[in-house]
Every structure is written in structure tokens, then in C-alpha cells.
Protein backbone atom coordinates (compact mmCIF):
# COMPACT_ATOMS: atom_id res chain seq x y z
CA MET A 1 -23.20 -63.72 1.21
CA LYS A 2 -26.80 -64.62 0.93
CA ALA A 3 -28.84 -62.48 -0.66
CA ASN A 4 -31.11 -62.07 1.94
CA VAL A 5 -29.08 -61.83 5.33
CA LYS A 6 -29.88 -59.54 7.65
CA THR A 7 -28.01 -55.82 8.78
CA ILE A 8 -26.95 -56.16 12.55
CA ALA A 9 -26.72 -52.76 13.59
CA VAL A 10 -24.07 -52.77 17.15
CA ILE A 11 -25.44 -49.56 19.30
CA GLY A 12 -22.49 -49.36 21.83
CA LEU A 13 -19.04 -49.61 20.28
CA GLY A 14 -16.54 -50.53 23.35
CA TYR A 15 -15.13 -54.05 24.78
CA VAL A 16 -18.30 -55.65 24.54
CA GLY A 17 -19.80 -53.77 21.20
CA LEU A 18 -16.45 -53.88 18.87
CA PRO A 19 -15.60 -57.42 19.34
CA LEU A 20 -19.61 -58.43 18.76
CA ALA A 21 -19.55 -56.12 15.53
CA VAL A 22 -16.07 -57.26 13.81
CA GLU A 23 -16.89 -60.74 14.45
CA PHE A 24 -20.75 -60.68 12.54
CA GLY A 25 -18.65 -57.92 9.93
CA LYS A 26 -16.41 -60.53 8.86
CA SER A 27 -19.16 -62.77 7.08
CA ARG A 28 -22.67 -60.52 6.77
CA PRO A 29 -23.43 -56.76 6.91
CA VAL A 30 -23.06 -54.64 10.11
CA ILE A 31 -23.29 -50.93 11.47
CA GLY A 32 -21.44 -50.31 13.91
CA PHE A 33 -22.65 -46.77 15.55
CA ASP A 34 -21.31 -44.85 18.95
CA ILE A 35 -22.14 -41.69 19.77
CA ASN A 36 -18.19 -40.85 20.52
CA GLU A 37 -17.21 -38.82 16.96
CA SER A 38 -13.86 -39.56 18.16
CA ARG A 39 -14.54 -42.99 18.92
CA ILE A 40 -15.91 -43.72 14.92
CA TYR A 41 -13.10 -41.67 13.65
CA ALA A 42 -10.16 -44.15 15.00
CA LEU A 43 -12.04 -46.91 14.32
CA ARG A 44 -12.51 -45.95 10.74
CA VAL A 45 -8.71 -45.52 10.37
CA GLY A 46 -8.22 -48.89 12.38
CA ARG A 47 -7.60 -47.29 15.90
CA ASP A 48 -8.96 -49.36 18.78
CA ALA A 49 -8.07 -47.70 22.07
CA THR A 50 -9.16 -50.79 23.74
CA LEU A 51 -7.11 -53.07 22.30
CA GLU A 52 -9.10 -55.61 22.22
CA VAL A 53 -9.55 -55.71 18.76
CA SER A 54 -5.98 -55.58 16.46
CA ASN A 55 -5.28 -53.55 13.12
CA SER A 56 -5.51 -56.88 11.39
CA GLU A 57 -8.65 -57.45 12.64
CA LEU A 58 -10.58 -54.24 12.25
CA ALA A 59 -9.36 -54.62 8.83
CA SER A 60 -10.20 -58.23 8.19
CA ALA A 61 -14.27 -57.27 9.19
CA ASP A 62 -15.09 -56.59 5.21
CA HIS A 63 -19.05 -55.70 6.20
CA LEU A 64 -18.35 -53.58 8.42
CA ALA A 65 -19.47 -49.65 8.43
CA PHE A 66 -18.64 -47.05 11.49
CA THR A 67 -21.10 -44.31 12.07
CA SER A 68 -22.35 -41.84 14.77
CA ASP A 69 -25.73 -40.82 12.89
CA PRO A 70 -28.40 -42.75 13.90
CA ALA A 71 -30.87 -42.00 10.11
CA ASP A 72 -28.00 -44.45 9.15
CA LEU A 73 -29.42 -47.52 11.53
CA ALA A 74 -32.94 -46.80 9.27
CA ALA A 75 -30.92 -49.71 7.06
CA ALA A 76 -30.47 -52.51 9.99
CA SER A 77 -32.93 -54.89 10.73
CA ILE A 78 -31.22 -56.66 14.21
CA TYR A 79 -29.92 -53.76 17.07
CA ILE A 80 -27.76 -55.16 19.29
CA VAL A 81 -27.55 -52.98 22.52
CA THR A 82 -23.95 -52.99 24.20
CA VAL A 83 -23.80 -49.88 26.01
CA PRO A 84 -22.50 -50.04 29.80
CA THR A 85 -25.04 -50.00 32.35
CA PRO A 86 -23.51 -48.34 35.48
CA ILE A 87 -24.44 -47.75 39.04
CA ASP A 88 -25.41 -43.91 40.25
CA ALA A 89 -23.36 -42.48 43.64
CA HIS A 90 -26.17 -44.36 45.77
CA LYS A 91 -25.68 -47.64 44.09
CA ARG A 92 -29.08 -47.84 42.14
CA PRO A 93 -29.06 -49.26 38.94
CA ASP A 94 -28.17 -46.15 35.98
CA LEU A 95 -30.40 -47.03 32.87
CA THR A 96 -30.01 -43.96 31.28
CA PRO A 97 -27.21 -44.83 28.64
CA LEU A 98 -29.37 -48.26 27.73
CA LEU A 99 -32.64 -46.08 27.89
CA LYS A 100 -30.36 -43.46 25.37
CA ALA A 101 -30.45 -46.42 22.85
CA THR A 102 -33.49 -47.67 23.12
CA GLU A 103 -34.59 -43.89 22.53
CA ILE A 104 -32.35 -43.84 19.31
CA ILE A 105 -33.51 -47.41 17.88
CA GLY A 106 -37.13 -46.80 18.48
CA GLY A 107 -36.66 -43.90 16.14
CA VAL A 108 -35.61 -45.86 13.16
CA LEU A 109 -37.64 -48.75 14.21
CA LYS A 110 -39.49 -51.03 11.03
CA CYS A 111 -41.88 -53.84 11.64
CA GLY A 112 -40.39 -57.00 11.68
CA ASP A 113 -37.42 -55.83 13.21
CA ILE A 114 -35.57 -57.21 15.91
CA VAL A 115 -34.33 -55.70 19.34
CA ILE A 116 -31.16 -57.63 21.41
CA TYR A 117 -29.54 -56.88 24.62
CA GLU A 118 -26.40 -57.48 25.84
CA SER A 119 -26.54 -54.67 28.54
CA THR A 120 -26.10 -56.32 32.15
CA VAL A 121 -29.39 -55.68 33.57
CA TYR A 122 -31.75 -56.39 36.34
CA PRO A 123 -34.59 -59.27 35.55
CA GLY A 124 -37.36 -57.73 33.66
CA ALA A 125 -35.75 -55.05 32.79
CA THR A 126 -35.97 -55.59 28.49
CA GLU A 127 -39.55 -56.64 28.79
CA GLU A 128 -40.73 -54.27 31.16
CA ASP A 129 -39.02 -51.48 30.07
CA CYS A 130 -37.34 -51.13 27.12
CA ALA A 131 -39.81 -52.84 24.84
CA PRO A 132 -42.57 -50.20 26.50
CA PHE A 133 -40.24 -47.60 25.16
CA LEU A 134 -39.50 -49.15 22.33
CA GLU A 135 -43.80 -48.65 21.51
CA ARG A 136 -43.84 -45.57 22.49
CA MET A 137 -41.15 -43.89 20.52
CA SER A 138 -41.59 -46.25 17.17
CA GLY A 139 -45.88 -46.45 17.73
CA LEU A 140 -45.67 -50.37 17.03
CA THR A 141 -46.85 -53.25 19.25
CA PHE A 142 -44.13 -55.07 21.05
CA ASN A 143 -44.06 -59.23 20.01
CA ALA A 144 -46.60 -58.43 17.14
CA ASP A 145 -44.49 -55.45 14.95
CA PHE A 146 -41.36 -55.73 16.32
CA PHE A 147 -39.57 -58.26 18.92
CA ALA A 148 -36.53 -58.69 21.63
CA GLY A 149 -34.35 -60.95 22.71
CA TYR A 150 -31.55 -61.39 25.31
CA SER A 151 -27.88 -62.17 25.23
CA PRO A 152 -25.69 -60.98 27.87
CA GLU A 153 -21.91 -60.48 27.25
CA ARG A 154 -19.50 -62.30 28.75
CA ILE A 155 -16.29 -60.46 27.42
CA ASN A 156 -13.08 -60.33 29.54
CA PRO A 157 -10.95 -57.35 29.47
CA GLY A 158 -7.49 -58.23 28.32
CA ASP A 159 -8.06 -62.08 28.00
CA LYS A 160 -6.87 -62.93 24.74
CA VAL A 161 -7.33 -66.25 25.39
CA HIS A 162 -11.13 -66.45 26.27
CA ARG A 163 -12.27 -64.37 23.26
CA LEU A 164 -15.85 -63.83 21.90
CA PRO A 165 -16.13 -66.67 19.36
CA ASP A 166 -14.47 -68.84 22.44
CA ILE A 167 -17.09 -68.01 24.91
CA CYS A 168 -20.61 -70.00 25.25
CA LYS A 169 -23.43 -67.32 24.94
CA VAL A 170 -26.43 -67.47 26.77
CA THR A 171 -29.71 -66.64 24.17
CA SER A 172 -33.02 -66.30 24.23
CA GLY A 173 -36.09 -64.54 22.48
CA SER A 174 -39.42 -62.66 23.41
CA THR A 175 -40.89 -65.73 21.26
CA PRO A 176 -39.99 -68.65 20.81
CA GLU A 177 -39.81 -68.32 17.01
CA ILE A 178 -37.62 -65.70 17.83
CA ALA A 179 -35.79 -67.45 20.34
CA GLU A 180 -34.67 -69.82 17.80
CA GLU A 181 -33.63 -66.88 15.31
CA VAL A 182 -31.47 -65.51 18.11
CA ASP A 183 -30.29 -68.27 18.71
CA GLN A 184 -29.26 -68.82 15.08
CA LEU A 185 -27.71 -66.01 14.66
CA TYR A 186 -24.90 -65.95 17.53
CA ALA A 187 -24.31 -69.66 16.64
CA SER A 188 -23.06 -68.59 13.37
CA ILE A 189 -20.20 -66.59 14.74
CA ILE A 190 -20.02 -68.40 18.45
CA THR A 191 -17.53 -71.71 17.87
CA ALA A 192 -18.31 -72.57 21.62
CA GLY A 193 -21.94 -72.90 20.92
CA THR A 194 -25.11 -71.27 22.17
CA TYR A 195 -27.33 -72.21 24.87
CA LYS A 196 -30.99 -71.08 24.24
CA ALA A 197 -32.53 -70.44 28.14
CA GLU A 198 -36.41 -70.54 28.12
CA SER A 199 -36.92 -67.02 28.49
CA ILE A 200 -35.42 -63.21 28.11
CA ARG A 201 -36.05 -63.10 32.50
CA VAL A 202 -34.03 -66.29 32.85
CA ALA A 203 -30.99 -64.86 30.54
CA GLU A 204 -31.18 -61.81 32.16
CA ALA A 205 -31.14 -63.09 35.67
CA ALA A 206 -28.07 -65.95 34.53
CA LYS A 207 -25.92 -62.86 33.15
CA VAL A 208 -26.32 -60.84 37.69
CA ILE A 209 -25.52 -64.15 38.97
CA GLU A 210 -22.37 -64.83 36.95
CA ASN A 211 -20.84 -61.83 38.73
CA THR A 212 -22.72 -62.02 42.04
CA GLN A 213 -21.01 -65.59 42.86
CA ARG A 214 -17.80 -64.39 41.86
CA ASP A 215 -18.27 -61.74 43.85
CA LEU A 216 -18.92 -63.27 46.44
CA ASN A 217 -16.57 -65.26 46.68
CA VAL A 218 -13.57 -62.63 46.24
CA ALA A 219 -15.29 -61.46 49.29
CA LEU A 220 -15.32 -64.45 51.44
CA MET A 221 -11.59 -64.59 50.45
CA ASN A 222 -11.15 -60.76 51.66
CA GLU A 223 -12.66 -61.44 55.25
CA LEU A 224 -10.29 -64.42 55.01
CA ALA A 225 -7.36 -62.10 54.00
CA MET A 226 -8.29 -60.19 57.20
CA ILE A 227 -8.50 -62.77 59.58
CA PHE A 228 -5.74 -63.78 58.85
CA ASN A 229 -3.99 -61.29 58.75
CA ARG A 230 -4.57 -60.52 62.61
CA MET A 231 -3.14 -63.83 63.31
CA GLY A 232 0.38 -63.40 61.34
CA ILE A 233 -1.24 -66.10 59.21
CA ASP A 234 0.10 -65.16 55.35
CA THR A 235 -3.03 -65.89 52.88
CA ASP A 236 -1.84 -66.63 49.85
CA GLU A 237 0.49 -69.72 51.40
CA VAL A 238 -3.26 -70.41 53.17
CA LEU A 239 -4.94 -70.58 49.66
CA LYS A 240 -2.00 -73.26 48.15
CA ALA A 241 -2.26 -74.93 50.91
CA ALA A 242 -5.97 -75.48 50.26
CA GLY A 243 -5.94 -75.63 46.75
CA THR A 244 -4.62 -78.84 46.98
CA LYS A 245 -7.80 -80.06 47.31
CA TRP A 246 -9.85 -80.88 43.96
CA ASN A 247 -12.61 -78.97 44.75
CA PHE A 248 -11.39 -75.72 46.81
CA LEU A 249 -12.46 -73.06 44.49
CA PRO A 250 -9.25 -70.70 43.46
CA PHE A 251 -10.33 -67.56 44.10
CA GLN A 252 -7.96 -64.47 45.38
CA PRO A 253 -8.31 -61.75 47.75
CA GLY A 254 -8.30 -58.12 46.34
CA LEU A 255 -10.16 -54.99 44.93
CA VAL A 256 -12.85 -55.66 43.57
CA GLY A 257 -13.71 -53.12 40.46
CA GLY A 258 -14.37 -52.90 37.02
CA HIS A 259 -18.31 -53.09 34.82
CA CYS A 260 -19.38 -56.82 36.50
CA ILE A 261 -18.31 -57.58 39.31
CA GLY A 262 -18.59 -54.45 41.36
CA VAL A 263 -21.53 -53.27 39.65
CA ASP A 264 -24.25 -56.31 38.72
CA PRO A 265 -25.00 -57.59 41.98
CA TYR A 266 -26.32 -53.88 42.91
CA TYR A 267 -29.25 -54.99 39.61
CA LEU A 268 -30.19 -57.73 41.21
CA THR A 269 -30.34 -56.65 44.62
CA HIS A 270 -32.08 -53.59 43.60
CA LYS A 271 -34.67 -55.36 41.69
CA ALA A 272 -35.20 -57.83 44.83
CA GLU A 273 -35.82 -55.14 47.22
CA ALA A 274 -38.43 -53.30 44.36
CA MET A 275 -40.03 -57.09 45.14
CA GLY A 276 -39.89 -56.38 49.25
CA TYR A 277 -36.75 -59.20 49.80
CA HIS A 278 -34.09 -57.52 51.21
CA PRO A 279 -30.96 -59.43 50.15
CA GLN A 280 -28.57 -60.18 53.18
CA VAL A 281 -25.40 -62.56 51.72
CA ILE A 282 -25.42 -59.99 48.23
CA LEU A 283 -25.28 -57.03 50.01
CA ALA A 284 -22.75 -58.15 53.01
CA GLY A 285 -20.32 -59.20 50.41
CA ARG A 286 -20.85 -56.20 48.83
CA ARG A 287 -19.86 -54.33 51.62
CA ILE A 288 -17.00 -56.46 51.87
CA ASN A 289 -15.68 -55.53 48.51
CA ASP A 290 -16.62 -52.16 48.70
CA SER A 291 -14.48 -51.53 51.78
CA MET A 292 -11.42 -52.94 50.85
CA GLY A 293 -9.22 -49.86 49.29
CA VAL A 294 -9.70 -47.85 53.12
CA TYR A 295 -8.48 -51.75 54.66
CA VAL A 296 -5.40 -51.76 52.14
CA ALA A 297 -4.39 -48.11 52.45
CA SER A 298 -5.01 -48.25 56.14
CA GLN A 299 -3.19 -51.66 56.45
CA LEU A 300 0.22 -49.42 54.81
CA VAL A 301 0.13 -46.45 56.92
CA LYS A 302 0.18 -48.62 59.69
CA ALA A 303 3.47 -50.16 58.55
CA ILE A 304 5.11 -46.75 57.75
CA LEU A 305 4.00 -46.16 61.17
CA LYS A 306 5.78 -49.32 62.55
CA ARG A 307 9.01 -47.64 60.88
CA ARG A 308 8.55 -44.18 62.27
CA VAL A 309 8.16 -42.58 59.33
CA HIS A 310 5.69 -39.69 59.37
CA VAL A 311 2.70 -39.95 57.26
CA ASP A 312 1.97 -37.31 57.44
CA GLY A 313 3.77 -35.57 54.28
CA ALA A 314 4.82 -39.63 53.25
CA ARG A 315 5.23 -40.38 49.69
CA VAL A 316 3.63 -43.31 48.54
CA LEU A 317 3.58 -44.60 44.70
CA ILE A 318 0.65 -46.55 43.32
CA LEU A 319 1.93 -49.17 40.43
CA GLY A 320 -1.59 -50.22 38.71
CA LEU A 321 -4.71 -48.32 37.93
CA THR A 322 -6.57 -50.17 35.46
CA PHE A 323 -9.02 -52.48 37.33
CA LYS A 324 -7.49 -55.26 36.64
CA GLU A 325 -4.10 -56.62 34.39
CA ASN A 326 -2.71 -56.02 30.84
CA CYS A 327 -5.68 -53.73 29.89
CA PRO A 328 -6.27 -50.26 29.56
CA ASP A 329 -10.29 -50.35 31.22
CA LEU A 330 -10.31 -47.75 34.48
CA ARG A 331 -14.00 -48.72 34.64
CA ASN A 332 -15.03 -48.58 38.39
CA THR A 333 -11.55 -49.25 39.19
CA ARG A 334 -11.09 -49.37 42.93
CA VAL A 335 -7.79 -48.32 43.10
CA ILE A 336 -9.14 -44.76 43.28
CA ASP A 337 -10.86 -45.65 47.25
CA VAL A 338 -6.46 -46.69 48.20
CA VAL A 339 -5.59 -42.97 46.72
CA ALA A 340 -8.25 -41.32 48.33
CA GLU A 341 -8.04 -43.02 51.70
CA LEU A 342 -4.06 -42.30 51.79
CA ARG A 343 -4.52 -38.52 50.71
CA GLU A 344 -6.90 -38.76 53.63
CA TYR A 345 -4.01 -39.38 56.31
CA GLY A 346 -2.23 -36.93 54.16
CA VAL A 347 0.03 -38.96 52.50
CA GLN A 348 1.67 -37.80 49.11
CA VAL A 349 0.86 -40.24 46.51
CA ASP A 350 2.18 -40.81 42.98
CA VAL A 351 0.19 -43.50 40.23
CA HIS A 352 2.44 -45.17 37.59
CA ASP A 353 0.09 -47.21 35.08
CA PRO A 354 1.93 -48.10 31.39
CA TRP A 355 -1.52 -49.50 30.71
CA VAL A 356 -3.69 -46.28 31.29
CA ASP A 357 -4.09 -42.94 28.79
CA ALA A 358 -3.30 -40.09 30.78
CA ALA A 359 -5.72 -38.15 29.54
CA GLU A 360 -8.51 -40.69 30.06
CA ALA A 361 -7.52 -40.99 34.30
CA LYS A 362 -7.15 -37.32 34.25
CA GLN A 363 -10.87 -36.86 33.16
CA GLU A 364 -12.65 -40.25 35.12
CA TYR A 365 -10.74 -39.78 38.39
CA GLY A 366 -8.80 -36.40 38.54
CA LEU A 367 -5.16 -38.05 38.51
CA ASP A 368 -2.13 -36.38 36.53
CA LEU A 369 -0.34 -39.94 36.42
CA ILE A 370 3.44 -40.00 36.23
CA THR A 371 5.34 -41.63 34.17
CA THR A 372 8.40 -42.58 35.65
CA PRO A 373 9.06 -43.38 39.13
CA GLU A 374 11.53 -41.49 41.00
CA PRO A 375 14.28 -43.56 42.41
CA SER A 376 14.54 -44.47 46.68
CA ALA A 377 11.91 -41.46 46.70
CA TYR A 378 8.82 -43.30 48.01
CA ASP A 379 8.50 -44.46 51.82
CA GLY A 380 5.62 -46.74 50.34
CA ILE A 381 5.15 -49.24 47.28
CA LEU A 382 2.37 -50.25 46.78
CA LEU A 383 1.95 -52.91 43.45
CA ALA A 384 -1.77 -52.75 43.10
CA VAL A 385 -2.34 -54.39 39.65
CA ALA A 386 -0.21 -57.29 38.40
CA HIS A 387 0.94 -56.02 35.10
CA ASP A 388 2.41 -58.04 33.07
CA ASN A 389 5.16 -55.08 33.20
CA TYR A 390 6.09 -54.86 36.98
CA ARG A 391 5.99 -58.65 36.89
CA ASP A 392 8.56 -58.96 34.77
CA ALA A 393 10.87 -55.96 36.02
CA GLY A 394 10.83 -58.35 39.72
CA ALA A 395 10.84 -57.45 42.63
CA ILE A 396 14.39 -55.51 43.39
CA ALA A 397 13.90 -52.98 40.65
CA ILE A 398 10.11 -52.18 42.02
CA ARG A 399 11.99 -51.46 45.48
CA GLY A 400 14.75 -49.56 43.69
CA TYR A 401 11.85 -46.86 43.84
CA GLY A 402 11.43 -47.08 47.96
CA ALA A 403 13.88 -44.52 50.22
CA PRO A 404 15.91 -46.66 52.69
CA ASN A 405 13.42 -47.75 55.13
CA HIS A 406 10.46 -47.60 52.75
CA VAL A 407 7.48 -50.41 52.97
CA PHE A 408 6.76 -52.23 49.99
CA CYS A 409 3.28 -53.76 49.78
CA ASP A 410 2.71 -56.49 46.71
CA LEU A 411 -1.15 -56.54 47.05
CA LYS A 412 -1.45 -59.59 44.23
CA SER A 413 1.35 -61.40 46.03
CA ILE A 414 2.94 -61.79 42.34
CA TYR A 415 6.28 -62.22 43.83
CA ALA A 416 7.65 -64.24 46.44
CA ILE A 417 6.57 -64.35 50.29
CA ASP A 418 10.08 -62.52 51.32
CA GLU A 419 10.18 -60.26 48.48
CA SER A 420 7.55 -57.79 50.08
CA ASP A 421 7.04 -56.46 53.75
CA LEU A 422 2.99 -56.45 53.30
CA ARG A 423 0.34 -58.77 51.41
CA LEU A 424 -3.39 -59.80 51.73
């Protein structure tokens, strides 16, 4: 290791921060910081509950140390913030975790230090919200004593093909010189290459529109699914046919949750409204996607009623709780909307998910997961998440949980069209 290599501190060791800390920690000194002491303990003994980093990968980061003590951050010269940026109950950006991380950094900030943000924000947040906060906390002057950068995260939880080094990284800095330093920093670990944006605001905007674009495309598919359902046409079959054209985009209908697609558009619309513009297309897409849980539940209830089964007191099994397949991430899962709506009808709902920590499901959503579904017991079965566990089990095994007159809804269309009763 070169003698003058700067120490990096990664603030927040979740799905984004840990892979970043590990990758940098293979070649240079890194301080991995998180306020969750149990998380720090688990990482110190080589366990990652998110399953994003293997035990062998953790062990390979020879220069990475974990801590929950803010005082330990004083040894760093570069700070990378990777904390969550959620929305509140009114769908407004909640910068609380971001500003708390900024406050911690401000307490140890020194002349010449660089603070890089990876958390999703609206354009302008780094320089208009975070930098002034750092100035107040440290007594230093932005772009004279300390500097900032922004490099939006592109982690895809559960994806073992598109890993951190394999995804092109957008970078930026608060001065041309810092922009170059930030770019070279990430270029040292990103084999797919980097793209240096012309400003921090451009990089911030690029991040929010990446997921806004995906959100709108899924919203279109969801609206088409509602239309085709009224026409008695299978949406999946329509998309397969349309997909034979070279420039048709391969999006699927479904529940839109997670920490990105269901959240990021609100950061953009918040800033737009603050500037006096009321977004129409973006918010229309959000309304469609936010309503899908209610729609799915209503379709399942209608199908159960058609079987002349009393809905009040009926039993429904939901398979899958995470926001996407083959990962334990529960953040902003919209499966919970289906659960809540079914309960409004008086339905008894059991939820099963082999990827989820039962204690986390209880803490986050008040759900008591079942470990094994009861055979021949359910009036309705909803396959909500396309985990490989369910895909490999096959439709016959899944339907084995159903009562003789049950309804099986394959929300993710992972089985053949004749193997289920309902699809989106």
C-alpha cells in the first residue's frame, strides 16, 4: 500500500455501504461506521445479514475496520455517506438519516477533507443542505477548507451478476480538481469504468431519473394489466408477443416497492414543486403503482367470491414478503399493502417467506411469519414474490396448500398460464 493513501470512512453499512467498504478495504485503509452496534458486531465476526457480501469477501478486505464510535472517524480524510433516504408518511423526502450522518462527520471534519454522498437526494441537496450543515458543525468553509462529491449508488440487492465493480459509476465533485480526485478514487475499484458528470447537481438529477423512468414504465404495464384484465386478455402473453419487436422495452407489471423505484420519484417531485412546477406524468405513475396492492387484493377477493366462498373468515396464504426476489430486503415492500387490504375484507392472512428474518418482519410490519404453510388449508394463495424457492417447488406443490375450492394467483407469472387461476 502506498504511504500517502488517504483513509476512507464509509458511513452506513447496509446494502450500499458494506459492498463499497469491502471493495475499498481490499487495497486501502477503510473505516466502516454504523450506529447499529449489533450490525457492527456481526460484521466483525464475518456475518452479513443482507447477504450482499460473502464471508470470504469480508475476510478479503484486509484493511477494513468496523466501528460504531464516531470518534474513530477522525482518522479519515474521505467520508462516503451511504445512509437511507426514505420518504415520510406524507410521501415527502425524509433527510433525517442523511443529516444525522452529516452531523457526525461535521464533528470530525478537518481542512482538506472530502465528503462524498451516495444516498439518493433531490438535485441541490448536497450543496444546498448538506454543505452548509457541515460548515456549521465544523466551523470550516465549503470549497476552501473542505470539499464535497456526489456519486449515486447503483446497487441492485440480490443481484449476483451486476456487482459493485461491474456497474459504471457516475461521479462528481464541488470543484474541477475534486471532481477529478473523486473520479479517480472510484476508478480504482470500478472495473466497468466511471462517468464524470459536469456538476454535483447533474449527478444528483441523474440518479433520481434512473428510477423515475423505471417507475413510469412499470406504471404503464400496471395500467395495461388493468385494461387487459377487463378485456379477458392475459397481460403476460401480450407482453411476450409485443416483445418480439426489437425496440420494445421488457418491463413487467407488479408491486413496486424497495428503497429506490417506489421512493426516488418523490425526491424529484418534491424539488419540482418547491420550484413552482407541479409534475403530472411522474405523480400519475406513482398513483398507479401505489394503488396496486389494493387492486391485487380486490382481484383475489372477487375470484374467491366467484367460488362461492365466504370472504369474511376466508384463509389466504401469501408467498413472499420482500420487495424483490431472492434477497432478504424488506424496505418499502408493497406486499404489505395486499395484506392490509385483505384484512379489511375480514380475510385471515398467513405470510411465508424463507428469505426474511422473522424478527425483522415483526419489528417493521407487525407480521408473524409462518415457517411452514398448512397443506389443503387455504381458500386463496397469492404468489407475491418470485423467489427461486417457489419457482423450483412448482405450481403443483404450491397448490397443495390450497383447499379443494381454492384460488391461486400467480402475481409474478412464473408458471405456465394454465397452472394458476389469476395473473396480473
